[in-house]
């Protein structure tokens, strides 16, 4: 799974905008442009690339927009079902749940995704994959703070943290991929930083 994610992110970093096509591209997937003429980055591009890599790998079965097993109460709304972006299956059983995120959304977005990934099923290893377009000296620390706040939110709500979540943060600006894990005490630990040439 780590190789599938990393390979997908490396390919993601090589994508062009539709207005800047390169003849040597290995994929037909491109970034669209917004009304203002700038490229639009979303979670969809990385999700499509990941699914293409799963298809080639021929090991996991997968489904998209997979309903959660539990019901959740977000932002004061009544308990309701949610969904995961992608689920990987092994021998007909759920093996990994994945959420994809683009740019740097508000704290609530992280907290909702982390809650589902930590507690929908107890015996899975799950993944949160985020892509960011531009960074400055404060961007990565800001996102790491949001990760920690999301972990704290889940820990406060459930009084426990399971070390079942791995995070991949892809910085398009610096062309690097940072991998994190979360330990049994809820600490965010940077595992490695992959620089993509």
N, C-alpha and C. Protein backbone atom coordinates (compact mmCIF):
# COMPACT_ATOMS: atom_id res chain seq x y z
N UNK A 1 0.83 -1.21 0.00
CA UNK A 1 0.00 0.00 0.00
C UNK A 1 0.87 1.27 0.00
N UNK A 2 1.94 1.25 0.77
CA UNK A 2 2.83 2.41 0.81
C UNK A 2 3.39 2.70 -0.58
N UNK A 3 3.78 1.66 -1.30
CA UNK A 3 4.31 1.83 -2.66
C UNK A 3 3.23 2.38 -3.59
N UNK A 4 2.02 1.89 -3.48
CA UNK A 4 0.92 2.39 -4.31
C UNK A 4 0.71 3.89 -4.07
N UNK A 5 0.72 4.29 -2.81
CA UNK A 5 0.52 5.70 -2.48
C UNK A 5 1.68 6.54 -2.98
N UNK A 6 2.90 6.10 -2.69
CA UNK A 6 4.08 6.87 -3.09
C UNK A 6 4.18 6.99 -4.61
N UNK A 7 3.99 5.88 -5.32
CA UNK A 7 4.03 5.92 -6.78
C UNK A 7 2.97 6.86 -7.36
N UNK A 8 1.79 6.84 -6.75
CA UNK A 8 0.71 7.73 -7.20
C UNK A 8 1.08 9.19 -6.98
N UNK A 9 1.67 9.49 -5.83
CA UNK A 9 2.06 10.87 -5.53
C UNK A 9 3.20 11.34 -6.43
N UNK A 10 4.14 10.47 -6.72
CA UNK A 10 5.23 10.83 -7.64
C UNK A 10 4.66 11.16 -9.01
N UNK A 11 3.72 10.35 -9.48
CA UNK A 11 3.09 10.63 -10.78
C UNK A 11 2.28 11.93 -10.70
N UNK A 12 1.61 12.15 -9.58
CA UNK A 12 0.85 13.38 -9.38
C UNK A 12 1.75 14.61 -9.53
N UNK A 13 2.95 14.54 -8.98
CA UNK A 13 3.89 15.67 -9.05
C UNK A 13 4.36 15.95 -10.48
N UNK A 14 4.15 15.02 -11.38
CA UNK A 14 4.58 15.19 -12.77
C UNK A 14 3.45 15.62 -13.69
N UNK A 15 2.23 15.74 -13.14
CA UNK A 15 1.09 16.14 -13.97
C UNK A 15 1.27 17.57 -14.50
N UNK A 16 0.72 17.80 -15.68
CA UNK A 16 0.73 19.14 -16.27
C UNK A 16 -0.68 19.72 -16.24
N UNK A 17 -0.73 21.00 -16.43
CA UNK A 17 -2.02 21.67 -16.62
C UNK A 17 -2.39 21.50 -18.09
N UNK A 18 -3.65 21.52 -18.41
CA UNK A 18 -4.10 21.36 -19.79
C UNK A 18 -3.48 22.42 -20.70
N UNK A 19 -3.13 23.56 -20.15
CA UNK A 19 -2.53 24.64 -20.97
C UNK A 19 -1.03 24.47 -21.15
N UNK A 20 -0.43 23.49 -20.49
CA UNK A 20 1.03 23.30 -20.54
C UNK A 20 1.39 21.85 -20.88
N UNK A 21 0.70 21.25 -21.82
CA UNK A 21 0.93 19.84 -22.13
C UNK A 21 2.36 19.58 -22.58
N UNK A 22 2.90 18.46 -22.10
CA UNK A 22 4.24 18.02 -22.48
C UNK A 22 4.10 16.75 -23.30
N UNK A 23 4.87 16.63 -24.35
CA UNK A 23 4.74 15.47 -25.23
C UNK A 23 5.17 14.18 -24.57
N UNK A 24 6.06 14.25 -23.58
CA UNK A 24 6.57 13.03 -22.95
C UNK A 24 5.72 12.54 -21.79
N UNK A 25 4.51 13.07 -21.60
CA UNK A 25 3.66 12.66 -20.49
C UNK A 25 3.27 11.20 -20.60
N UNK A 26 3.27 10.51 -19.45
CA UNK A 26 2.89 9.10 -19.38
C UNK A 26 1.40 8.92 -19.12
N UNK A 27 0.70 9.98 -18.82
CA UNK A 27 -0.71 9.89 -18.47
C UNK A 27 -1.52 10.90 -19.28
N UNK A 28 -2.78 10.61 -19.43
CA UNK A 28 -3.69 11.54 -20.10
C UNK A 28 -4.37 12.48 -19.10
N UNK A 29 -4.18 12.22 -17.80
CA UNK A 29 -4.77 13.05 -16.77
C UNK A 29 -4.02 14.38 -16.68
N UNK A 30 -4.76 15.48 -16.66
CA UNK A 30 -4.17 16.82 -16.56
C UNK A 30 -4.99 17.64 -15.57
N UNK A 31 -4.37 18.71 -15.07
CA UNK A 31 -5.10 19.65 -14.22
C UNK A 31 -5.93 20.56 -15.12
N UNK A 32 -7.19 20.81 -14.75
CA UNK A 32 -7.99 21.77 -15.52
C UNK A 32 -7.63 23.20 -15.10
N UNK A 33 -8.21 24.16 -15.80
CA UNK A 33 -7.99 25.56 -15.43
C UNK A 33 -9.29 26.14 -14.87
N UNK A 34 -9.12 27.09 -13.96
CA UNK A 34 -10.27 27.79 -13.38
C UNK A 34 -10.62 28.98 -14.27
N UNK A 35 -11.70 29.64 -13.95
CA UNK A 35 -12.12 30.81 -14.73
C UNK A 35 -11.05 31.88 -14.79
N UNK A 36 -10.22 31.97 -13.75
CA UNK A 36 -9.18 33.00 -13.73
C UNK A 36 -7.94 32.59 -14.53
N UNK A 37 -7.97 31.41 -15.14
CA UNK A 37 -6.87 30.96 -15.98
C UNK A 37 -5.79 30.19 -15.24
N UNK A 38 -5.91 30.05 -13.91
CA UNK A 38 -4.93 29.29 -13.13
C UNK A 38 -5.35 27.83 -13.04
N UNK A 39 -4.38 26.94 -12.83
CA UNK A 39 -4.72 25.52 -12.71
C UNK A 39 -5.50 25.27 -11.43
N UNK A 40 -6.39 24.29 -11.52
CA UNK A 40 -7.18 23.91 -10.35
C UNK A 40 -6.63 22.60 -9.79
N UNK A 41 -6.28 22.58 -8.52
CA UNK A 41 -5.80 21.39 -7.84
C UNK A 41 -6.92 20.90 -6.94
N UNK A 42 -7.22 19.61 -7.00
CA UNK A 42 -8.23 19.03 -6.12
C UNK A 42 -7.76 17.65 -5.68
N UNK A 43 -8.53 17.06 -4.78
CA UNK A 43 -8.20 15.70 -4.34
C UNK A 43 -8.50 14.67 -5.43
N UNK A 44 -9.27 15.06 -6.43
CA UNK A 44 -9.69 14.08 -7.44
C UNK A 44 -8.52 13.54 -8.26
N UNK A 45 -7.58 14.39 -8.61
CA UNK A 45 -6.46 13.93 -9.43
C UNK A 45 -5.66 12.84 -8.73
N UNK A 46 -5.35 13.05 -7.45
CA UNK A 46 -4.57 12.03 -6.75
C UNK A 46 -5.39 10.77 -6.52
N UNK A 47 -6.68 10.92 -6.30
CA UNK A 47 -7.53 9.74 -6.11
C UNK A 47 -7.59 8.92 -7.40
N UNK A 48 -7.75 9.59 -8.55
CA UNK A 48 -7.78 8.87 -9.82
C UNK A 48 -6.46 8.15 -10.08
N UNK A 49 -5.35 8.82 -9.82
CA UNK A 49 -4.04 8.19 -10.03
C UNK A 49 -3.86 6.99 -9.10
N UNK A 50 -4.27 7.14 -7.85
CA UNK A 50 -4.15 6.03 -6.92
C UNK A 50 -4.94 4.82 -7.40
N UNK A 51 -6.18 5.05 -7.83
CA UNK A 51 -7.01 3.95 -8.32
C UNK A 51 -6.39 3.30 -9.55
N UNK A 52 -5.78 4.10 -10.43
CA UNK A 52 -5.08 3.53 -11.60
C UNK A 52 -3.95 2.61 -11.15
N UNK A 53 -3.22 3.00 -10.13
CA UNK A 53 -2.13 2.16 -9.62
C UNK A 53 -2.66 0.89 -8.96
N UNK A 54 -3.79 1.00 -8.29
CA UNK A 54 -4.42 -0.20 -7.70
C UNK A 54 -4.84 -1.16 -8.81
N UNK A 55 -5.40 -0.61 -9.89
CA UNK A 55 -5.80 -1.44 -11.04
C UNK A 55 -4.60 -2.21 -11.61
N UNK A 56 -3.48 -1.52 -11.76
CA UNK A 56 -2.27 -2.15 -12.32
C UNK A 56 -1.69 -3.19 -11.37
N UNK A 57 -1.78 -2.92 -10.08
CA UNK A 57 -1.18 -3.78 -9.06
C UNK A 57 -1.83 -5.17 -9.04
N UNK A 58 -3.13 -5.22 -9.28
CA UNK A 58 -3.86 -6.47 -9.40
C UNK A 58 -3.86 -7.30 -8.12
N UNK A 59 -3.72 -6.66 -6.96
CA UNK A 59 -3.78 -7.39 -5.70
C UNK A 59 -5.07 -7.07 -4.95
N UNK A 60 -5.32 -5.79 -4.72
CA UNK A 60 -6.51 -5.38 -3.99
C UNK A 60 -7.71 -5.21 -4.92
N UNK A 61 -8.90 -5.50 -4.41
CA UNK A 61 -10.13 -5.00 -5.02
C UNK A 61 -10.38 -3.64 -4.36
N UNK A 62 -11.17 -2.79 -4.98
CA UNK A 62 -11.42 -1.49 -4.38
C UNK A 62 -12.83 -1.02 -4.71
N UNK A 63 -13.29 -0.08 -3.92
CA UNK A 63 -14.53 0.63 -4.22
C UNK A 63 -14.34 2.08 -3.79
N UNK A 64 -15.19 2.95 -4.33
CA UNK A 64 -15.07 4.38 -4.05
C UNK A 64 -16.35 4.88 -3.38
N UNK A 65 -16.21 5.99 -2.64
CA UNK A 65 -17.33 6.57 -1.89
C UNK A 65 -18.04 5.49 -1.08
N UNK A 66 -17.28 4.83 -0.23
CA UNK A 66 -17.73 3.67 0.53
C UNK A 66 -18.41 4.13 1.82
N UNK A 67 -19.65 3.69 2.05
CA UNK A 67 -20.35 4.08 3.28
C UNK A 67 -19.61 3.60 4.54
N UNK A 68 -19.64 4.44 5.56
CA UNK A 68 -19.07 4.05 6.84
C UNK A 68 -19.95 2.98 7.48
N UNK A 69 -19.37 2.22 8.40
CA UNK A 69 -20.15 1.22 9.13
C UNK A 69 -20.88 1.88 10.30
N UNK A 70 -20.30 2.96 10.84
CA UNK A 70 -20.91 3.66 11.96
C UNK A 70 -21.56 4.95 11.47
N UNK A 71 -22.37 5.53 12.34
CA UNK A 71 -22.97 6.83 12.06
C UNK A 71 -22.22 7.88 12.87
N UNK A 72 -22.12 9.11 12.33
CA UNK A 72 -21.33 10.16 12.95
C UNK A 72 -22.15 11.42 13.11
N UNK A 73 -21.78 12.18 14.12
CA UNK A 73 -22.43 13.46 14.38
C UNK A 73 -21.39 14.55 14.17
N UNK A 74 -21.51 15.29 13.06
CA UNK A 74 -20.57 16.35 12.73
C UNK A 74 -21.29 17.70 12.77
N UNK A 75 -20.67 18.70 13.35
CA UNK A 75 -21.18 20.08 13.38
C UNK A 75 -22.60 20.18 13.92
N UNK A 76 -22.90 19.41 14.95
CA UNK A 76 -24.21 19.50 15.57
C UNK A 76 -25.34 18.86 14.79
N UNK A 77 -25.03 18.23 13.66
CA UNK A 77 -26.07 17.56 12.89
C UNK A 77 -26.42 16.23 13.55
N UNK A 78 -27.56 15.67 13.20
CA UNK A 78 -27.94 14.36 13.73
C UNK A 78 -26.98 13.30 13.24
N UNK A 79 -26.92 12.20 13.98
CA UNK A 79 -26.08 11.08 13.55
C UNK A 79 -26.46 10.67 12.14
N UNK A 80 -25.42 10.48 11.31
CA UNK A 80 -25.70 10.07 9.93
C UNK A 80 -24.52 9.30 9.38
N UNK A 81 -24.78 8.57 8.33
CA UNK A 81 -23.71 7.83 7.67
C UNK A 81 -22.79 8.81 6.96
N UNK A 82 -21.55 8.41 6.84
CA UNK A 82 -20.58 9.19 6.07
C UNK A 82 -19.99 8.24 5.04
N UNK A 83 -18.90 8.64 4.41
CA UNK A 83 -18.27 7.74 3.44
C UNK A 83 -16.77 7.96 3.43
N UNK A 84 -16.06 6.97 2.88
CA UNK A 84 -14.62 7.05 2.65
C UNK A 84 -14.39 7.21 1.16
N UNK A 85 -13.34 7.91 0.79
CA UNK A 85 -13.04 8.11 -0.62
C UNK A 85 -12.77 6.79 -1.33
N UNK A 86 -11.95 5.94 -0.72
CA UNK A 86 -11.59 4.65 -1.32
C UNK A 86 -11.46 3.61 -0.22
N UNK A 87 -11.89 2.39 -0.53
CA UNK A 87 -11.68 1.25 0.36
C UNK A 87 -10.97 0.17 -0.44
N UNK A 88 -9.92 -0.40 0.14
CA UNK A 88 -9.23 -1.54 -0.46
C UNK A 88 -9.65 -2.80 0.26
N UNK A 89 -9.90 -3.85 -0.52
CA UNK A 89 -10.35 -5.13 0.03
C UNK A 89 -9.30 -6.21 -0.21
N UNK A 90 -9.20 -7.11 0.75
CA UNK A 90 -8.33 -8.28 0.61
C UNK A 90 -9.19 -9.50 0.97
N UNK A 91 -9.28 -10.44 0.06
CA UNK A 91 -10.11 -11.64 0.26
C UNK A 91 -11.55 -11.29 0.62
N UNK A 92 -12.08 -10.25 0.00
CA UNK A 92 -13.47 -9.85 0.21
C UNK A 92 -13.72 -9.04 1.47
N UNK A 93 -12.69 -8.76 2.26
CA UNK A 93 -12.85 -8.00 3.50
C UNK A 93 -12.16 -6.64 3.40
N UNK A 94 -12.72 -5.65 4.08
CA UNK A 94 -12.09 -4.33 4.11
C UNK A 94 -10.70 -4.45 4.74
N UNK A 95 -9.71 -3.88 4.06
CA UNK A 95 -8.33 -3.94 4.55
C UNK A 95 -7.79 -2.54 4.88
N UNK A 96 -8.06 -1.57 4.01
CA UNK A 96 -7.58 -0.20 4.21
C UNK A 96 -8.66 0.79 3.77
N UNK A 97 -8.85 1.84 4.57
CA UNK A 97 -9.75 2.93 4.22
C UNK A 97 -8.89 4.16 3.95
N UNK A 98 -9.23 4.91 2.89
CA UNK A 98 -8.40 6.05 2.50
C UNK A 98 -9.25 7.30 2.32
N UNK A 99 -8.70 8.40 2.79
CA UNK A 99 -9.29 9.72 2.56
C UNK A 99 -8.24 10.57 1.85
N UNK A 100 -8.67 11.33 0.86
CA UNK A 100 -7.79 12.21 0.09
C UNK A 100 -8.22 13.65 0.35
N UNK A 101 -7.24 14.52 0.47
CA UNK A 101 -7.51 15.92 0.76
C UNK A 101 -6.59 16.79 -0.08
N UNK A 102 -7.12 17.91 -0.58
CA UNK A 102 -6.30 18.85 -1.35
C UNK A 102 -6.25 20.18 -0.62
N UNK A 103 -5.11 20.84 -0.78
CA UNK A 103 -4.86 22.17 -0.24
C UNK A 103 -4.86 22.14 1.29
N UNK A 104 -5.32 23.18 1.92
CA UNK A 104 -5.25 23.27 3.38
C UNK A 104 -6.59 23.74 3.94
N UNK A 105 -7.56 22.82 4.05
CA UNK A 105 -8.90 23.22 4.49
C UNK A 105 -8.94 23.57 5.98
N UNK A 106 -10.13 23.91 6.45
CA UNK A 106 -10.34 24.28 7.85
C UNK A 106 -10.16 23.05 8.76
N UNK A 107 -9.95 23.32 10.02
CA UNK A 107 -9.71 22.27 11.02
C UNK A 107 -10.80 21.21 11.03
N UNK A 108 -12.03 21.63 10.91
CA UNK A 108 -13.15 20.70 10.98
C UNK A 108 -13.03 19.58 9.94
N UNK A 109 -12.53 19.89 8.77
CA UNK A 109 -12.38 18.89 7.71
C UNK A 109 -11.43 17.77 8.14
N UNK A 110 -10.32 18.15 8.78
CA UNK A 110 -9.36 17.15 9.27
C UNK A 110 -9.99 16.32 10.39
N UNK A 111 -10.66 16.98 11.32
CA UNK A 111 -11.24 16.28 12.47
C UNK A 111 -12.26 15.25 12.03
N UNK A 112 -13.11 15.59 11.07
CA UNK A 112 -14.12 14.63 10.58
C UNK A 112 -13.44 13.42 9.95
N UNK A 113 -12.48 13.67 9.07
CA UNK A 113 -11.80 12.56 8.38
C UNK A 113 -11.05 11.68 9.37
N UNK A 114 -10.34 12.27 10.31
CA UNK A 114 -9.57 11.49 11.28
C UNK A 114 -10.51 10.64 12.14
N UNK A 115 -11.63 11.22 12.54
CA UNK A 115 -12.58 10.46 13.36
C UNK A 115 -13.04 9.19 12.64
N UNK A 116 -13.40 9.34 11.38
CA UNK A 116 -13.83 8.16 10.60
C UNK A 116 -12.69 7.15 10.45
N UNK A 117 -11.51 7.64 10.12
CA UNK A 117 -10.38 6.75 9.86
C UNK A 117 -9.92 6.03 11.13
N UNK A 118 -10.02 6.68 12.28
CA UNK A 118 -9.61 6.05 13.53
C UNK A 118 -10.63 5.04 14.05
N UNK A 119 -11.93 5.34 13.87
CA UNK A 119 -12.91 4.59 14.64
C UNK A 119 -14.01 3.88 13.87
N UNK A 120 -14.01 3.91 12.55
CA UNK A 120 -15.08 3.19 11.87
C UNK A 120 -14.92 1.69 12.00
N UNK A 121 -13.70 1.20 11.92
CA UNK A 121 -13.41 -0.22 12.15
C UNK A 121 -12.13 -0.31 12.96
N UNK A 122 -12.06 -1.28 13.85
CA UNK A 122 -10.96 -1.30 14.81
C UNK A 122 -9.70 -2.03 14.36
N UNK A 123 -9.76 -2.86 13.35
CA UNK A 123 -8.61 -3.70 13.03
C UNK A 123 -7.97 -3.39 11.67
N UNK A 124 -8.17 -2.17 11.17
CA UNK A 124 -7.61 -1.81 9.87
C UNK A 124 -6.48 -0.79 10.02
N UNK A 125 -5.60 -0.75 9.03
CA UNK A 125 -4.63 0.34 8.92
C UNK A 125 -5.13 1.24 7.81
N UNK A 126 -5.33 2.51 8.14
CA UNK A 126 -5.95 3.46 7.21
C UNK A 126 -4.99 4.59 6.84
N UNK A 127 -5.37 5.33 5.79
CA UNK A 127 -4.45 6.31 5.22
C UNK A 127 -5.16 7.62 4.91
N UNK A 128 -4.46 8.72 5.22
CA UNK A 128 -4.91 10.07 4.90
C UNK A 128 -3.85 10.65 3.97
N UNK A 129 -4.26 10.99 2.75
CA UNK A 129 -3.32 11.47 1.73
C UNK A 129 -3.71 12.90 1.37
N UNK A 130 -2.78 13.82 1.55
CA UNK A 130 -3.06 15.23 1.30
C UNK A 130 -2.05 15.80 0.32
N UNK A 131 -2.55 16.65 -0.59
CA UNK A 131 -1.68 17.36 -1.52
C UNK A 131 -1.87 18.86 -1.32
N UNK A 132 -0.74 19.57 -1.29
CA UNK A 132 -0.79 21.02 -1.17
C UNK A 132 -0.02 21.63 -2.33
N UNK A 133 -0.53 22.75 -2.81
CA UNK A 133 0.02 23.35 -4.03
C UNK A 133 1.21 24.26 -3.77
N UNK A 134 1.10 25.17 -2.85
CA UNK A 134 2.18 26.10 -2.56
C UNK A 134 2.44 26.13 -1.06
N UNK A 135 3.70 26.39 -0.72
CA UNK A 135 4.05 26.43 0.70
C UNK A 135 4.96 27.61 0.98
N UNK A 136 4.94 28.01 2.24
CA UNK A 136 5.93 28.95 2.75
C UNK A 136 6.45 28.35 4.05
N UNK A 137 7.22 29.11 4.79
CA UNK A 137 7.87 28.57 5.99
C UNK A 137 6.86 28.08 7.04
N UNK A 138 5.63 28.62 7.00
CA UNK A 138 4.64 28.25 8.01
C UNK A 138 3.63 27.20 7.58
N UNK A 139 3.61 26.84 6.30
CA UNK A 139 2.54 25.96 5.80
C UNK A 139 2.57 24.57 6.43
N UNK A 140 3.71 23.89 6.37
CA UNK A 140 3.79 22.52 6.90
C UNK A 140 3.55 22.52 8.40
N UNK A 141 4.18 23.40 9.19
CA UNK A 141 3.87 23.43 10.62
C UNK A 141 2.38 23.68 10.90
N UNK A 142 1.73 24.52 10.09
CA UNK A 142 0.30 24.79 10.25
C UNK A 142 -0.52 23.52 10.02
N UNK A 143 -0.18 22.77 8.97
CA UNK A 143 -0.90 21.54 8.67
C UNK A 143 -0.64 20.49 9.75
N UNK A 144 0.61 20.38 10.19
CA UNK A 144 0.92 19.43 11.26
C UNK A 144 0.15 19.77 12.54
N UNK A 145 -0.02 21.06 12.80
CA UNK A 145 -0.82 21.49 13.96
C UNK A 145 -2.27 21.03 13.79
N UNK A 146 -2.79 21.13 12.58
CA UNK A 146 -4.17 20.68 12.32
C UNK A 146 -4.28 19.17 12.50
N UNK A 147 -3.26 18.43 12.08
CA UNK A 147 -3.25 16.98 12.32
C UNK A 147 -3.32 16.70 13.83
N UNK A 148 -2.48 17.41 14.59
CA UNK A 148 -2.45 17.20 16.05
C UNK A 148 -3.80 17.56 16.69
N UNK A 149 -4.40 18.64 16.22
CA UNK A 149 -5.71 19.04 16.74
C UNK A 149 -6.78 18.00 16.41
N UNK A 150 -6.71 17.43 15.21
CA UNK A 150 -7.67 16.39 14.82
C UNK A 150 -7.48 15.14 15.68
N UNK A 151 -6.23 14.78 15.96
CA UNK A 151 -5.95 13.64 16.83
C UNK A 151 -6.49 13.92 18.23
N UNK A 152 -6.24 15.13 18.73
CA UNK A 152 -6.73 15.52 20.06
C UNK A 152 -8.25 15.47 20.11
N UNK A 153 -8.91 15.95 19.06
CA UNK A 153 -10.38 15.91 18.99
C UNK A 153 -10.88 14.48 19.12
N UNK A 154 -10.27 13.57 18.37
CA UNK A 154 -10.69 12.16 18.39
C UNK A 154 -10.40 11.55 19.76
N UNK A 155 -9.23 11.84 20.30
CA UNK A 155 -8.83 11.29 21.61
C UNK A 155 -9.79 11.78 22.70
N UNK A 156 -10.16 13.06 22.67
CA UNK A 156 -11.09 13.60 23.66
C UNK A 156 -12.48 12.99 23.53
N UNK A 157 -12.90 12.73 22.31
CA UNK A 157 -14.25 12.20 22.08
C UNK A 157 -14.37 10.72 22.45
N UNK A 158 -13.30 9.94 22.18
CA UNK A 158 -13.36 8.49 22.38
C UNK A 158 -12.49 7.99 23.53
N UNK A 159 -11.72 8.88 24.15
CA UNK A 159 -10.83 8.54 25.26
C UNK A 159 -9.78 7.50 24.92
N UNK A 160 -9.46 7.36 23.65
CA UNK A 160 -8.43 6.40 23.22
C UNK A 160 -7.97 6.76 21.81
N UNK A 161 -6.76 6.38 21.50
CA UNK A 161 -6.25 6.49 20.13
C UNK A 161 -5.62 5.15 19.77
N UNK A 162 -5.96 4.65 18.62
CA UNK A 162 -5.32 3.43 18.12
C UNK A 162 -4.30 3.83 17.07
N UNK A 163 -3.13 3.21 17.07
CA UNK A 163 -2.09 3.57 16.08
C UNK A 163 -2.38 2.95 14.72
N UNK A 164 -3.50 3.36 14.11
CA UNK A 164 -3.96 2.72 12.87
C UNK A 164 -3.93 3.66 11.67
N UNK A 165 -3.46 4.89 11.85
CA UNK A 165 -3.53 5.87 10.78
C UNK A 165 -2.15 6.31 10.33
N UNK A 166 -1.95 6.29 9.01
CA UNK A 166 -0.71 6.79 8.41
C UNK A 166 -1.08 7.95 7.49
N UNK A 167 -0.21 8.94 7.44
CA UNK A 167 -0.48 10.17 6.69
C UNK A 167 0.63 10.38 5.67
N UNK A 168 0.22 10.77 4.46
CA UNK A 168 1.17 11.18 3.42
C UNK A 168 0.80 12.59 3.00
N UNK A 169 1.75 13.50 3.14
CA UNK A 169 1.55 14.90 2.77
C UNK A 169 2.47 15.23 1.60
N UNK A 170 1.88 15.59 0.47
CA UNK A 170 2.64 15.85 -0.76
C UNK A 170 2.68 17.36 -1.01
N UNK A 171 3.88 17.90 -1.00
CA UNK A 171 4.12 19.33 -1.22
C UNK A 171 4.51 19.53 -2.69
N UNK A 172 3.58 20.03 -3.50
CA UNK A 172 3.84 20.24 -4.93
C UNK A 172 4.92 21.28 -5.15
N UNK A 173 4.98 22.27 -4.29
CA UNK A 173 5.92 23.37 -4.43
C UNK A 173 7.37 22.89 -4.27
N UNK A 174 7.62 22.10 -3.23
CA UNK A 174 8.98 21.60 -2.95
C UNK A 174 9.25 20.23 -3.55
N UNK A 175 8.22 19.64 -4.16
CA UNK A 175 8.31 18.30 -4.76
C UNK A 175 8.82 17.27 -3.75
N UNK A 176 8.14 17.23 -2.62
CA UNK A 176 8.49 16.20 -1.65
C UNK A 176 7.24 15.59 -1.02
N UNK A 177 7.43 14.40 -0.47
CA UNK A 177 6.35 13.65 0.15
C UNK A 177 6.79 13.34 1.58
N UNK A 178 6.00 13.77 2.54
CA UNK A 178 6.31 13.53 3.94
C UNK A 178 5.37 12.44 4.45
N UNK A 179 5.96 11.43 5.10
CA UNK A 179 5.16 10.34 5.66
C UNK A 179 5.16 10.45 7.18
N UNK A 180 3.98 10.30 7.77
CA UNK A 180 3.81 10.35 9.22
C UNK A 180 3.10 9.09 9.71
N UNK A 181 3.31 8.78 10.98
CA UNK A 181 2.48 7.78 11.65
C UNK A 181 2.02 8.39 12.96
N UNK A 182 1.05 7.76 13.57
CA UNK A 182 0.53 8.21 14.85
C UNK A 182 0.70 7.06 15.83
N UNK A 183 1.38 7.31 16.94
CA UNK A 183 1.63 6.22 17.89
C UNK A 183 0.45 6.02 18.83
N UNK A 184 0.57 5.05 19.73
CA UNK A 184 -0.54 4.68 20.62
C UNK A 184 -0.92 5.78 21.60
N UNK A 185 -0.03 6.75 21.81
CA UNK A 185 -0.33 7.87 22.69
C UNK A 185 -0.89 9.08 21.94
N UNK A 186 -1.02 8.95 20.62
CA UNK A 186 -1.56 10.03 19.82
C UNK A 186 -0.54 11.04 19.35
N UNK A 187 0.74 10.68 19.41
CA UNK A 187 1.80 11.57 18.94
C UNK A 187 1.96 11.44 17.43
N UNK A 188 2.10 12.57 16.76
CA UNK A 188 2.36 12.60 15.32
C UNK A 188 3.86 12.47 15.11
N UNK A 189 4.28 11.44 14.39
CA UNK A 189 5.70 11.17 14.20
C UNK A 189 6.04 11.17 12.72
N UNK A 190 7.00 12.02 12.34
CA UNK A 190 7.45 12.06 10.95
C UNK A 190 8.35 10.86 10.71
N UNK A 191 8.01 10.04 9.71
CA UNK A 191 8.79 8.84 9.41
C UNK A 191 9.86 9.12 8.38
N UNK A 192 9.45 9.77 7.29
CA UNK A 192 10.45 10.07 6.26
C UNK A 192 9.98 11.21 5.38
N UNK A 193 10.94 11.78 4.66
CA UNK A 193 10.68 12.86 3.73
C UNK A 193 11.31 12.43 2.40
N UNK A 194 10.49 12.20 1.40
CA UNK A 194 10.98 11.73 0.09
C UNK A 194 11.04 12.93 -0.84
N UNK A 195 12.21 13.25 -1.33
CA UNK A 195 12.38 14.32 -2.32
C UNK A 195 12.26 13.70 -3.70
N UNK A 196 11.36 14.25 -4.51
CA UNK A 196 11.12 13.73 -5.85
C UNK A 196 11.89 14.58 -6.86
N UNK A 197 12.75 13.94 -7.61
CA UNK A 197 13.58 14.65 -8.61
C UNK A 197 12.75 14.99 -9.82
